[in-house]
Every structure is written in C-alpha cells, then in structure tokens.
Protein backbone atom coordinates (compact mmCIF):
# COMPACT_ATOMS: atom_id res chain seq x y z
CA MET A 1 43.76 58.84 26.05
CA PRO A 2 43.04 62.59 25.49
CA SER A 3 40.23 63.41 23.13
CA ALA A 4 40.19 66.23 20.60
CA SER A 5 38.76 68.56 23.31
CA GLY A 6 41.52 67.66 25.76
CA VAL A 7 39.29 65.53 28.04
CA ALA A 8 40.78 62.20 28.96
CA VAL A 9 38.67 59.24 27.80
CA ALA A 10 39.12 55.78 29.27
CA GLN A 11 40.01 53.30 26.58
CA GLN A 12 37.51 50.44 26.42
CA PRO A 13 39.10 47.03 26.10
CA ARG A 14 38.51 45.48 22.69
CA PRO A 15 36.43 42.33 22.87
CA GLU A 16 38.46 39.21 22.27
CA THR A 17 37.71 37.56 18.99
CA GLY A 18 35.29 34.74 19.78
CA ARG A 19 35.78 31.15 18.71
CA VAL A 20 32.74 29.31 17.38
CA LYS A 21 32.25 25.98 19.08
CA ARG A 22 29.72 23.26 18.45
CA LEU A 23 27.89 22.23 21.54
CA ARG A 24 28.24 18.53 22.30
CA LEU A 25 24.79 17.30 23.24
CA PRO A 26 23.84 13.88 24.60
CA GLN A 27 22.57 11.59 21.84
CA LYS A 28 19.10 11.05 23.25
CA GLN A 29 17.75 9.72 19.94
CA ARG A 30 20.46 7.07 19.68
CA ASN A 31 20.15 6.06 23.33
CA LEU A 32 16.42 5.49 22.86
CA GLU A 33 17.17 3.56 19.67
CA LEU A 34 19.65 1.35 21.54
CA VAL A 35 17.04 0.39 24.14
CA LEU A 36 14.48 -0.38 21.45
CA LEU A 37 17.02 -2.41 19.46
CA ILE A 38 17.79 -4.57 22.48
CA ALA A 39 14.06 -5.21 22.92
CA ALA A 40 13.66 -5.97 19.18
CA CYS A 41 16.51 -8.50 19.16
CA ALA A 42 15.08 -10.13 22.31
CA ILE A 43 11.67 -10.47 20.62
CA ASN A 44 13.26 -12.01 17.53
CA ALA A 45 15.29 -14.53 19.55
CA THR A 46 12.21 -15.46 21.57
CA ALA A 47 10.19 -15.99 18.37
CA VAL A 48 12.81 -18.39 16.95
CA VAL A 49 13.00 -20.34 20.24
CA LEU A 50 9.19 -20.61 20.42
CA VAL A 51 9.08 -21.88 16.83
CA GLN A 52 11.61 -24.58 17.65
CA LEU A 53 9.88 -25.62 20.87
CA GLY A 54 6.49 -25.71 19.16
CA ALA A 55 7.60 -27.55 16.02
CA ILE A 56 10.43 -29.90 17.11
CA GLY A 57 10.31 -29.77 20.90
CA HIS A 58 13.88 -28.60 21.55
CA VAL A 59 16.15 -25.62 20.88
CA ASP A 60 18.64 -25.74 17.98
CA LEU A 61 21.40 -23.20 18.56
CA ASN A 62 22.66 -23.16 14.95
CA LEU A 63 19.95 -20.83 13.69
CA LEU A 64 20.26 -18.67 16.79
CA TYR A 65 23.96 -18.20 16.00
CA LEU A 66 23.04 -17.01 12.48
CA CYS A 67 20.42 -14.66 13.87
CA SER A 68 22.92 -13.28 16.36
CA GLY A 69 25.08 -12.31 13.37
CA LEU A 70 22.18 -10.19 12.11
CA SER A 71 21.91 -8.58 15.53
CA VAL A 72 25.60 -7.66 15.33
CA LEU A 73 25.00 -5.99 11.94
CA VAL A 74 22.01 -4.09 13.26
CA PHE A 75 23.99 -2.79 16.22
CA GLY A 76 26.78 -1.93 13.77
CA MET A 77 24.29 0.22 11.87
CA HIS A 78 23.31 1.82 15.17
CA VAL A 79 26.95 2.69 15.86
CA ALA A 80 27.32 4.13 12.35
CA LEU A 81 24.28 6.34 12.98
CA ARG A 82 25.90 7.72 16.14
CA TYR A 83 28.70 9.13 13.99
CA VAL A 84 27.07 10.10 10.69
CA ALA A 85 23.39 10.70 11.61
CA PRO A 86 23.14 11.28 15.38
CA GLN A 87 19.74 13.02 15.17
CA ALA A 88 18.06 10.38 12.99
CA ASP A 89 14.67 8.98 13.94
CA PRO A 90 15.05 6.37 16.74
CA PHE A 91 12.06 4.18 15.79
CA LEU A 92 12.70 3.21 12.17
CA LEU A 93 15.65 0.86 12.72
CA PRO A 94 14.05 -1.11 15.61
CA ILE A 95 10.78 -1.51 13.68
CA GLY A 96 12.59 -2.82 10.61
CA THR A 97 14.59 -5.17 12.84
CA VAL A 98 11.64 -6.74 14.62
CA LEU A 99 9.60 -7.15 11.42
CA ASN A 100 12.56 -8.75 9.66
CA GLY A 101 13.11 -11.10 12.61
CA LEU A 102 9.47 -12.18 12.82
CA GLY A 103 9.53 -12.95 9.10
CA ILE A 104 12.64 -15.11 9.51
CA ALA A 105 11.03 -17.00 12.42
CA GLU A 106 7.87 -17.82 10.42
CA ILE A 107 9.80 -18.79 7.28
CA TYR A 108 11.99 -21.05 9.41
CA ARG A 109 8.86 -22.61 10.91
CA ILE A 110 7.67 -23.65 7.43
CA ASP A 111 11.15 -25.02 6.65
CA LEU A 112 10.93 -27.26 9.70
CA HIS A 113 7.79 -28.89 8.32
CA TYR A 114 9.46 -29.65 4.99
CA GLU A 115 12.71 -30.63 6.77
CA ASP A 116 14.75 -28.14 4.72
CA PHE A 117 18.16 -27.35 6.17
CA GLY A 118 21.29 -25.48 5.06
CA TRP A 119 21.08 -23.50 1.83
CA ASP A 120 17.95 -25.44 0.86
CA SER A 121 16.21 -23.72 3.76
CA ALA A 122 14.39 -20.52 2.81
CA GLY A 123 14.97 -19.29 6.36
CA VAL A 124 18.76 -19.53 6.02
CA ARG A 125 18.63 -17.76 2.65
CA GLN A 126 16.46 -15.08 4.24
CA ILE A 127 19.09 -14.54 6.94
CA VAL A 128 21.82 -14.20 4.30
CA TRP A 129 19.74 -11.74 2.28
CA SER A 130 18.93 -9.82 5.46
CA ALA A 131 22.65 -9.46 6.15
CA ILE A 132 23.23 -8.20 2.59
CA ALA A 133 20.31 -5.77 2.93
CA ILE A 134 21.54 -4.35 6.24
CA ILE A 135 25.06 -3.93 4.82
CA CYS A 136 23.55 -2.04 1.86
CA ALA A 137 21.63 0.18 4.30
CA ILE A 138 24.83 0.94 6.23
CA ALA A 139 26.57 1.80 2.95
CA VAL A 140 23.75 4.20 2.00
CA ILE A 141 23.98 5.92 5.40
CA MET A 142 27.76 6.27 5.13
CA ILE A 143 27.91 7.39 1.49
CA ILE A 144 24.91 9.73 1.23
CA ARG A 145 25.64 12.47 3.76
CA ASN A 146 23.11 14.90 2.26
CA HIS A 147 19.92 13.72 0.55
CA ARG A 148 19.87 16.80 -1.70
CA VAL A 149 22.69 15.24 -3.71
CA LEU A 150 20.13 12.80 -5.12
CA GLN A 151 18.21 15.67 -6.72
CA ARG A 152 21.14 16.35 -9.06
CA TYR A 153 20.62 12.97 -10.68
CA THR A 154 16.84 13.14 -11.11
CA TYR A 155 16.75 12.01 -14.74
CA ILE A 156 19.51 9.45 -14.25
CA PHE A 157 17.33 7.79 -11.61
CA GLY A 158 14.40 7.90 -14.02
CA PHE A 159 16.44 6.23 -16.75
CA ALA A 160 17.76 3.64 -14.28
CA ALA A 161 14.18 2.80 -13.21
CA LEU A 162 13.17 2.28 -16.84
CA VAL A 163 16.14 -0.01 -17.48
CA LEU A 164 15.44 -2.03 -14.33
CA LEU A 165 11.80 -2.50 -15.33
CA LEU A 166 12.84 -3.69 -18.80
CA LEU A 167 15.52 -6.15 -17.64
CA PRO A 168 13.11 -9.07 -17.03
CA MET A 169 11.98 -8.81 -20.65
CA LEU A 170 15.48 -9.51 -22.01
CA PRO A 171 15.99 -13.04 -23.34
CA GLY A 172 18.55 -15.10 -21.47
CA ILE A 173 18.32 -13.40 -18.09
CA GLY A 174 14.58 -12.78 -17.83
CA GLN A 175 12.72 -15.45 -15.87
CA GLU A 176 9.02 -16.17 -15.52
CA ILE A 177 7.85 -17.41 -12.09
CA PHE A 178 4.19 -18.15 -11.29
CA GLY A 179 3.16 -16.54 -14.56
CA ALA A 180 4.84 -13.16 -13.88
CA ARG A 181 7.96 -12.13 -15.77
CA VAL A 182 9.53 -9.87 -13.14
CA TRP A 183 12.71 -11.79 -12.30
CA ILE A 184 16.22 -11.90 -13.74
CA HIS A 185 18.33 -15.02 -13.33
CA ILE A 186 22.15 -14.82 -13.35
CA GLY A 187 23.94 -18.02 -12.41
CA PRO A 188 22.57 -19.40 -9.14
CA PHE A 189 21.02 -16.06 -8.16
CA SER A 190 17.66 -14.56 -9.07
CA PHE A 191 16.62 -10.98 -8.39
CA GLN A 192 13.54 -8.81 -8.88
CA PRO A 193 14.81 -5.50 -10.31
CA GLY A 194 11.39 -3.89 -9.97
CA GLU A 195 11.98 -3.62 -6.21
CA ILE A 196 14.96 -1.32 -6.79
CA ALA A 197 13.13 0.44 -9.62
CA LYS A 198 10.47 1.71 -7.21
CA LEU A 199 13.20 3.49 -5.19
CA CYS A 200 14.61 5.07 -8.35
CA LEU A 201 11.12 6.16 -9.35
CA ALA A 202 10.54 7.77 -5.94
CA VAL A 203 13.70 9.87 -6.38
CA PHE A 204 12.78 10.69 -9.99
CA PHE A 205 9.20 11.68 -9.17
CA ALA A 206 10.38 13.88 -6.28
CA GLY A 207 12.96 15.69 -8.41
CA TYR A 208 10.66 16.07 -11.42
CA LEU A 209 7.67 17.35 -9.43
CA VAL A 210 9.82 19.93 -7.64
CA GLN A 211 10.81 21.33 -11.05
CA ARG A 212 7.33 21.23 -12.61
CA ARG A 213 5.18 21.90 -9.57
CA ASP A 214 4.16 25.44 -10.53
CA SER A 215 2.86 24.54 -13.99
CA LEU A 216 1.09 21.46 -12.62
CA SER A 217 -0.63 23.28 -9.76
CA MET A 218 -1.28 26.88 -10.75
CA VAL A 219 -2.45 26.67 -14.35
CA GLY A 220 -5.78 25.23 -15.47
CA LYS A 221 -9.53 25.80 -15.63
CA LYS A 222 -11.97 25.58 -12.77
CA PHE A 223 -14.78 23.04 -12.91
CA LEU A 224 -17.11 22.09 -10.05
CA GLY A 225 -15.02 24.18 -7.68
CA MET A 226 -11.77 22.42 -8.56
CA ARG A 227 -8.95 23.55 -10.82
CA PHE A 228 -8.22 20.88 -13.42
CA PRO A 229 -4.93 20.83 -15.37
CA ARG A 230 -4.58 21.82 -18.98
CA ALA A 231 -4.46 19.10 -21.63
CA ARG A 232 -0.75 19.76 -22.22
CA ASP A 233 -0.05 19.15 -18.51
CA LEU A 234 -1.62 15.68 -18.56
CA GLY A 235 1.51 14.24 -20.17
CA PRO A 236 3.28 13.07 -16.98
CA ILE A 237 0.30 11.23 -15.49
CA LEU A 238 -0.54 9.61 -18.83
CA VAL A 239 3.06 8.45 -19.32
CA VAL A 240 3.17 6.90 -15.84
CA TRP A 241 -0.24 5.30 -16.43
CA LEU A 242 0.94 3.79 -19.70
CA MET A 243 4.11 2.55 -17.97
CA SER A 244 2.00 0.87 -15.29
CA MET A 245 -0.28 -0.72 -17.88
CA ALA A 246 2.77 -1.97 -19.80
CA VAL A 247 4.04 -3.70 -16.65
CA ILE A 248 0.62 -5.34 -16.19
CA VAL A 249 0.30 -6.41 -19.83
CA PHE A 250 3.82 -7.53 -20.72
CA GLN A 251 5.17 -8.65 -17.34
CA ARG A 252 1.83 -9.84 -15.96
CA ASP A 253 2.60 -8.09 -12.67
CA LEU A 254 -0.54 -6.42 -11.40
CA GLY A 255 0.99 -5.42 -8.05
CA THR A 256 3.99 -3.50 -9.40
CA GLY A 257 1.81 -1.68 -11.92
CA LEU A 258 -0.55 -0.50 -9.18
CA LEU A 259 2.38 0.45 -6.95
CA ILE A 260 4.05 2.62 -9.60
CA PHE A 261 0.91 4.54 -10.50
CA GLY A 262 -0.24 4.89 -6.88
CA LEU A 263 3.18 6.25 -5.90
CA PHE A 264 3.08 8.92 -8.61
CA LEU A 265 -0.52 9.84 -7.82
CA VAL A 266 0.19 10.46 -4.13
CA MET A 267 3.38 12.40 -4.81
CA ILE A 268 1.75 14.68 -7.41
CA TYR A 269 -1.08 15.36 -4.95
CA VAL A 270 1.39 16.27 -2.18
CA ALA A 271 3.37 18.47 -4.60
CA THR A 272 0.37 20.37 -6.00
CA ALA A 273 -2.32 20.04 -3.27
CA ARG A 274 -4.92 19.62 -6.04
CA VAL A 275 -7.67 17.04 -5.59
CA SER A 276 -8.29 17.11 -9.34
CA TRP A 277 -5.13 15.02 -9.90
CA VAL A 278 -6.50 12.36 -7.54
CA ILE A 279 -9.83 12.29 -9.38
CA LEU A 280 -8.11 11.93 -12.74
CA GLY A 281 -5.85 9.22 -11.37
CA VAL A 282 -8.75 7.23 -9.91
CA LEU A 283 -10.60 7.45 -13.24
CA LEU A 284 -7.51 6.13 -15.04
CA ILE A 285 -7.14 3.30 -12.52
CA VAL A 286 -10.80 2.28 -12.79
CA GLY A 287 -10.73 2.50 -16.58
CA GLY A 288 -7.54 0.47 -16.80
CA ALA A 289 -8.93 -2.17 -14.41
CA VAL A 290 -12.15 -2.56 -16.40
CA VAL A 291 -10.30 -2.89 -19.71
CA ALA A 292 -7.67 -5.25 -18.28
CA SER A 293 -10.31 -7.50 -16.69
CA GLN A 294 -12.02 -7.87 -20.07
CA VAL A 295 -8.93 -8.20 -22.27
CA LEU A 296 -6.34 -9.98 -20.10
CA PRO A 297 -7.38 -13.48 -19.00
CA TYR A 298 -5.15 -13.60 -15.91
CA VAL A 299 -6.54 -10.29 -14.63
CA ASN A 300 -10.08 -11.57 -15.17
CA ASP A 301 -9.15 -14.73 -13.24
CA ARG A 302 -7.95 -12.60 -10.32
CA PHE A 303 -11.28 -10.78 -10.25
CA GLN A 304 -13.24 -14.04 -10.42
CA ASN A 305 -11.18 -15.53 -7.58
CA TRP A 306 -11.88 -12.43 -5.54
CA LEU A 307 -15.61 -12.17 -6.22
CA ILE A 308 -16.66 -15.83 -5.92
CA PRO A 309 -13.76 -17.70 -4.27
CA PHE A 310 -15.99 -20.38 -2.69
CA SER A 311 -17.44 -21.53 -6.00
CA GLN A 312 -16.44 -25.19 -6.37
CA LYS A 313 -15.64 -24.71 -10.06
CA ILE A 314 -13.30 -21.76 -9.45
CA TYR A 315 -11.81 -23.44 -6.38
CA ASP A 316 -10.82 -26.53 -8.41
CA GLU A 317 -9.47 -24.66 -11.47
CA GLN A 318 -5.77 -24.39 -12.20
CA GLY A 319 -4.79 -20.99 -10.81
CA GLY A 320 -8.18 -20.73 -9.12
CA SER A 321 -9.13 -19.60 -5.65
CA PHE A 322 -7.56 -22.52 -3.75
CA GLN A 323 -4.72 -20.37 -2.38
CA LEU A 324 -7.04 -17.53 -1.35
CA VAL A 325 -9.51 -19.84 0.40
CA GLN A 326 -6.78 -21.77 2.24
CA GLY A 327 -5.34 -18.48 3.46
CA LEU A 328 -8.74 -17.41 4.78
CA PHE A 329 -9.15 -20.79 6.51
CA GLY A 330 -5.71 -20.34 8.07
CA LEU A 331 -6.64 -16.92 9.44
CA ALA A 332 -9.90 -18.36 10.79
CA HIS A 333 -7.99 -21.24 12.41
CA GLY A 334 -5.76 -18.76 14.23
CA GLY A 335 -8.71 -16.97 15.78
CA LEU A 336 -8.03 -14.21 18.30
CA ILE A 337 -4.78 -15.36 19.93
CA GLY A 338 -3.49 -17.90 17.40
CA THR A 339 -2.32 -21.49 17.69
CA GLY A 340 1.13 -20.48 18.92
CA LEU A 341 4.40 -20.24 17.00
CA GLY A 342 5.37 -23.63 15.62
CA GLN A 343 1.96 -25.21 16.29
CA GLY A 344 -0.13 -24.18 13.28
CA GLN A 345 -0.34 -25.61 9.76
CA PRO A 346 0.70 -22.65 7.57
CA TRP A 347 2.21 -24.91 4.88
CA VAL A 348 -1.29 -25.92 3.73
CA THR A 349 -1.53 -22.56 1.92
CA PRO A 350 0.63 -22.38 -1.26
CA VAL A 351 3.57 -19.95 -1.12
CA ALA A 352 3.04 -19.56 2.62
CA ASN A 353 6.51 -18.08 3.23
CA SER A 354 6.26 -15.19 0.76
CA ASP A 355 2.97 -14.03 -0.78
CA TYR A 356 0.92 -15.50 2.06
CA ILE A 357 3.17 -14.98 5.06
CA ILE A 358 0.51 -12.71 6.58
CA ALA A 359 -1.88 -15.69 6.61
CA SER A 360 0.86 -17.87 8.15
CA LEU A 361 1.52 -15.35 10.92
CA GLY A 362 -2.20 -14.80 11.40
CA GLU A 363 -2.73 -18.50 12.01
CA GLU A 364 0.03 -18.81 14.61
CA LEU A 365 -0.17 -15.36 16.24
CA GLY A 366 -3.89 -14.77 15.81
CA LEU A 367 -5.73 -11.52 15.25
CA ALA A 368 -3.96 -9.95 18.25
CA GLY A 369 -0.53 -10.72 16.77
CA LEU A 370 -1.53 -9.37 13.35
CA PHE A 371 -2.79 -6.16 14.90
CA ALA A 372 0.56 -5.75 16.65
CA ILE A 373 2.35 -6.20 13.30
CA PHE A 374 -0.02 -3.76 11.60
CA ALA A 375 0.64 -1.26 14.40
CA LEU A 376 4.38 -1.52 13.67
CA TYR A 377 3.75 -0.80 9.99
CA LEU A 378 1.48 2.10 10.92
CA LEU A 379 4.14 3.57 13.20
CA PHE A 380 6.81 3.14 10.52
CA VAL A 381 4.72 4.94 7.90
CA ALA A 382 3.66 7.65 10.37
CA ARG A 383 7.28 8.39 11.29
CA GLY A 384 8.17 8.59 7.60
CA LEU A 385 5.33 11.00 6.85
CA ARG A 386 6.29 13.07 9.89
CA ILE A 387 9.81 13.35 8.48
CA GLY A 388 8.38 14.54 5.18
CA PHE A 389 6.06 17.15 6.67
CA ALA A 390 8.84 18.50 8.90
CA GLY A 391 11.33 18.70 6.03
CA GLN A 392 13.00 21.96 5.11
CA ASP A 393 13.22 21.49 1.35
CA ASP A 394 10.59 20.43 -1.15
CA PHE A 395 12.65 17.58 -2.59
CA GLY A 396 13.20 16.04 0.83
CA LYS A 397 9.52 16.36 1.70
CA LEU A 398 8.38 14.62 -1.46
CA LEU A 399 11.02 11.92 -1.19
CA ALA A 400 10.12 11.07 2.43
CA VAL A 401 6.41 10.97 1.61
CA GLY A 402 7.05 8.83 -1.47
CA LEU A 403 9.22 6.31 0.36
CA SER A 404 6.77 6.07 3.26
CA PHE A 405 3.79 5.67 0.97
CA THR A 406 5.60 2.91 -0.94
CA VAL A 407 5.63 0.83 2.24
CA ALA A 408 2.03 1.78 3.10
CA LEU A 409 0.64 0.98 -0.35
CA GLN A 410 2.56 -2.29 -0.54
CA CYS A 411 1.10 -3.37 2.82
CA PHE A 412 -2.41 -2.42 1.72
CA ILE A 413 -2.14 -4.28 -1.58
CA VAL A 414 -0.72 -7.44 0.00
CA ILE A 415 -2.82 -7.57 3.17
CA GLY A 416 -5.94 -6.48 1.30
CA GLY A 417 -5.43 -9.31 -1.20
CA VAL A 418 -4.86 -11.96 1.48
CA THR A 419 -7.92 -10.87 3.46
CA ARG A 420 -10.08 -10.53 0.29
CA VAL A 421 -10.58 -6.80 0.60
CA ILE A 422 -9.17 -6.33 -2.93
CA PRO A 423 -8.10 -8.79 -5.65
CA LEU A 424 -4.84 -10.60 -5.01
CA THR A 425 -1.89 -9.05 -6.86
CA GLY A 426 1.25 -10.92 -5.82
CA LEU A 427 3.42 -8.28 -4.12
CA THR A 428 5.63 -9.14 -1.14
CA THR A 429 4.97 -7.96 2.41
CA PRO A 430 7.74 -5.49 3.40
CA PHE A 431 10.42 -7.04 5.70
CA LEU A 432 8.34 -10.16 6.41
CA ALA A 433 8.09 -12.13 3.16
CA ALA A 434 10.82 -14.35 1.77
CA GLY A 435 12.73 -12.60 -1.00
CA GLY A 436 16.12 -10.94 -1.20
CA SER A 437 15.28 -8.12 -3.60
CA SER A 438 12.39 -6.93 -1.44
CA LEU A 439 14.57 -6.98 1.69
CA VAL A 440 17.33 -4.95 0.04
CA ALA A 441 14.85 -2.36 -1.23
CA ASN A 442 13.06 -1.97 2.10
CA TRP A 443 16.27 -1.65 4.13
CA ILE A 444 17.45 1.04 1.71
CA ILE A 445 14.15 2.82 2.39
CA VAL A 446 14.99 2.68 6.11
CA ALA A 447 18.44 4.14 5.42
CA LEU A 448 17.11 6.99 3.27
CA LEU A 449 14.43 7.90 5.82
CA LEU A 450 17.06 7.89 8.56
CA ARG A 451 19.22 10.25 6.50
CA LEU A 452 16.25 12.52 5.82
CA SER A 453 15.25 12.59 9.49
CA ASP A 454 18.78 13.53 10.55
CA THR A 455 18.75 16.44 8.11
CA VAL A 456 15.43 17.65 9.52
CA ARG A 457 16.49 17.40 13.17
CA ASN A 458 20.14 18.42 12.89
CA GLN A 459 19.90 22.16 13.36
CA PRO A 460 23.30 23.74 14.20
CA ARG A 461 23.54 24.87 17.81
CA LEU A 462 26.38 27.36 18.29
CA VAL A 463 27.83 29.19 21.26
CA VAL A 464 30.27 32.10 21.10
CA SER A 465 32.99 32.29 23.79
C-alpha cells in the first residue's frame, strides 16, 4: 500500500482476536483428599471391627453396613468438592471423617456393655446424626459459592444467634438436662441451639469487626506502652461479656459462656492487633469467674471439684467429683498404649459417651492414641488458621480464624476439664462426643472452611490464543 510519500509499505497482518480460555489443571488437591479419605474410612472400619472383637468376640456386619453408608456420603461430598470447590483444602474432610468414625466406634463400644441395640443405641443415633450433618455440609458447599455473601447478612446472623441462645429459656420447648438449660425438645427430638448460635456469632463478629476495626484499633490513649481503647469503644466487649455471663447465670452453661467470650476476644485481637483488648478480656474473665464462684453455687461446686477432687466428702456429694475422679482413673488404667478397643471399662465413668469420651478413648487407646487424636485436632486448627492468614479479604480472614478457634477452644475446654487442667464445664468434644447438634455445627464448620480455602487458592489462570 503506497504511503503519503509514495513509498510502498507492506501491510502488517492484523492479529486475530484472541479467545480467553481457562486452563484445565489436574485436581491435585482432590486426588490427595481421595487417598486420605480411603485411609480414613479404613481406619474407621478397623476401629469398629476391633471394638466388636474385643467386646463380643465376633464381627457384626449390621453396624458396618450403616457405617458404609456414611462413607458413601463422605465420598459424595468429595465428588461435590471436585465440581464446586476443586482447590479446597485436602486435609479438612479426611480429618473430620476419621474423628467422627472414632467417636462412633467408642460410643458403640459403650452400647455393647449396656446391650443397647437399634434406636436405643447411642451409636446408631450417632450414625444417623452424622449422616444428617454431612448432608448439611454438602448443602452448605453447594449453596454458598462465595463466602462474601455472608457479610451482607451480618446483623441478621447476630439476631439469629440471640434468638437461638434464648430458645432454651422458652417454656414448653426448653429442657433442662444435668442442671443446664441449653436444650429444646420438640416431639421425640432434642437439639442444642447454642451449637448453631456459635456459628452465627462467628459470622456476626467477623462482619461487625470489619466495619468497626478502625475505631477499635486506631483511637485511644497509650498506657504502659500499649494503646487502650476509649471508654465509648468498650461497648462491644462489655455487651459480649454480659451475654456470656447471662448464659452462665440463667442457662447454667459455663462452657458456652466461655466459648462465646473467648471467640470474640480472639477475633477482636486478630482484627485490631492490639494486646490491650486481650488484657481487658482476661480481666473481665477473671472478675466474672471470681464473682460467679462466690454467688452461683453450681460454679462454686465446679471449682471445689477441681481443686480438691480426692476429698472423700466432695467425692461422695451429689454432683461431686465422682465423675472427674473416675475419668482420671480411666486415663491411668489406659496407660501408654491402652487396654485395646473393646477391652476397657469406660462405662464406669458417668456420661462416658459424650462429656467424657476423651477419658473413654484414653483408657482403650492409651496416651499414644490420645496424642494421635490431639495431633489431628492440631492439624485441623492449623489448616484453618492457614486459610485465614492466606485470605484475600478481611471478612474471610476473620471468619476462618473464628471458626478454627471455635474448634481449638472447645477442645481445650473439654480436654482441660477431663484432665483437671481447668474446671469441668460440660462442652462436647468436636466430632467425637455423642450429640447431634454438635455434629451438625462442626460439619458446617468443615464446609465453611473448605469454601474459604477454595476462594483463597482458586486464582484464575488464563491463556490467550
């Protein structure tokens, strides 16, 4: 083509409009998860068989068939993750599976002693609740495609948590069990709404602290090298503290009260990076504990059982230290390697399949088995915290840290109470203890962490052709 000066110029071919294609990568995370799931299901099946051989001397296939149904659901969740969250963390689902299975095996072992079968068996009910919990987790994974959607409903989650905490106080449906009014009873079913309330509170705290982080972290006066908040900014921590104290006073649930306040304290520290909030929170906890131990008889009893459990007077009292001491004897009986699944006497300790399932497992698996279980919890919490620290948005970071710390704090409160490190509070051990509401809540935590991890890892990889 001639130019304006008459010199011919070769016409350059116009580049073809490129099409954007998504690169199809091998699902390494899911393949690793599949291998770990196969190992987890094998461990669970072996545990059930060992319980049967140790307790009754032969293998009963009926329970294995029920457990195989759970394995099908778990692999169904794995398949769902391949489609909707292919980059999700590969360790969370196998850890939840093996912990859930070990809990079922130990609960079933106690049922064999009492000769409970069918729906009367706590182990069978635990399998049914596990199936419901896994289905709920699959639903969460399928419905919530982006965790940031939850931030839109911050105050709705806060209101829902308040309603759930108040439900046990309503006449007609509220039910008091072992002195704590934390259950609702509808027909043949009972449920602990506080387990779901802690999830709603984690979402609410994350959304609220993202909005108010600047005023809570940047404003205040310095004292002893630390910046303390203004008096007007103390409102949130005081409200949560009063909420926790109300749960302890009116519902007589020391564990849930500690869990709520501890969750908020950790999340506000992560949001603001100010040690002063931790100091204020610890002072409120210590002050509340001192007042409660002097004013509330049942809290004082817990402290007495903890401080002098081997006193004959306290041991023989109604609601005394009998349960705590029997749990310690069970752990001592297990020793280093345990008596073997199906060969201990865990039923000697009251509520051995729920509050004291750690003592039951410690007797039959020994210290080595407990350390393996604790390592699984440690890995679960570490993966959750890793998801939070690698997050791209502040809401996701706080939510992942809050959910992970919920599991960590619950384990510390329960295991610390059973081993007499702290006073006994009555919470359930995540995934292990008998209880449907706890299972549903913890499997939803798994689902939310999986969704968060997929968001963190799933960076778009594009190629132009």
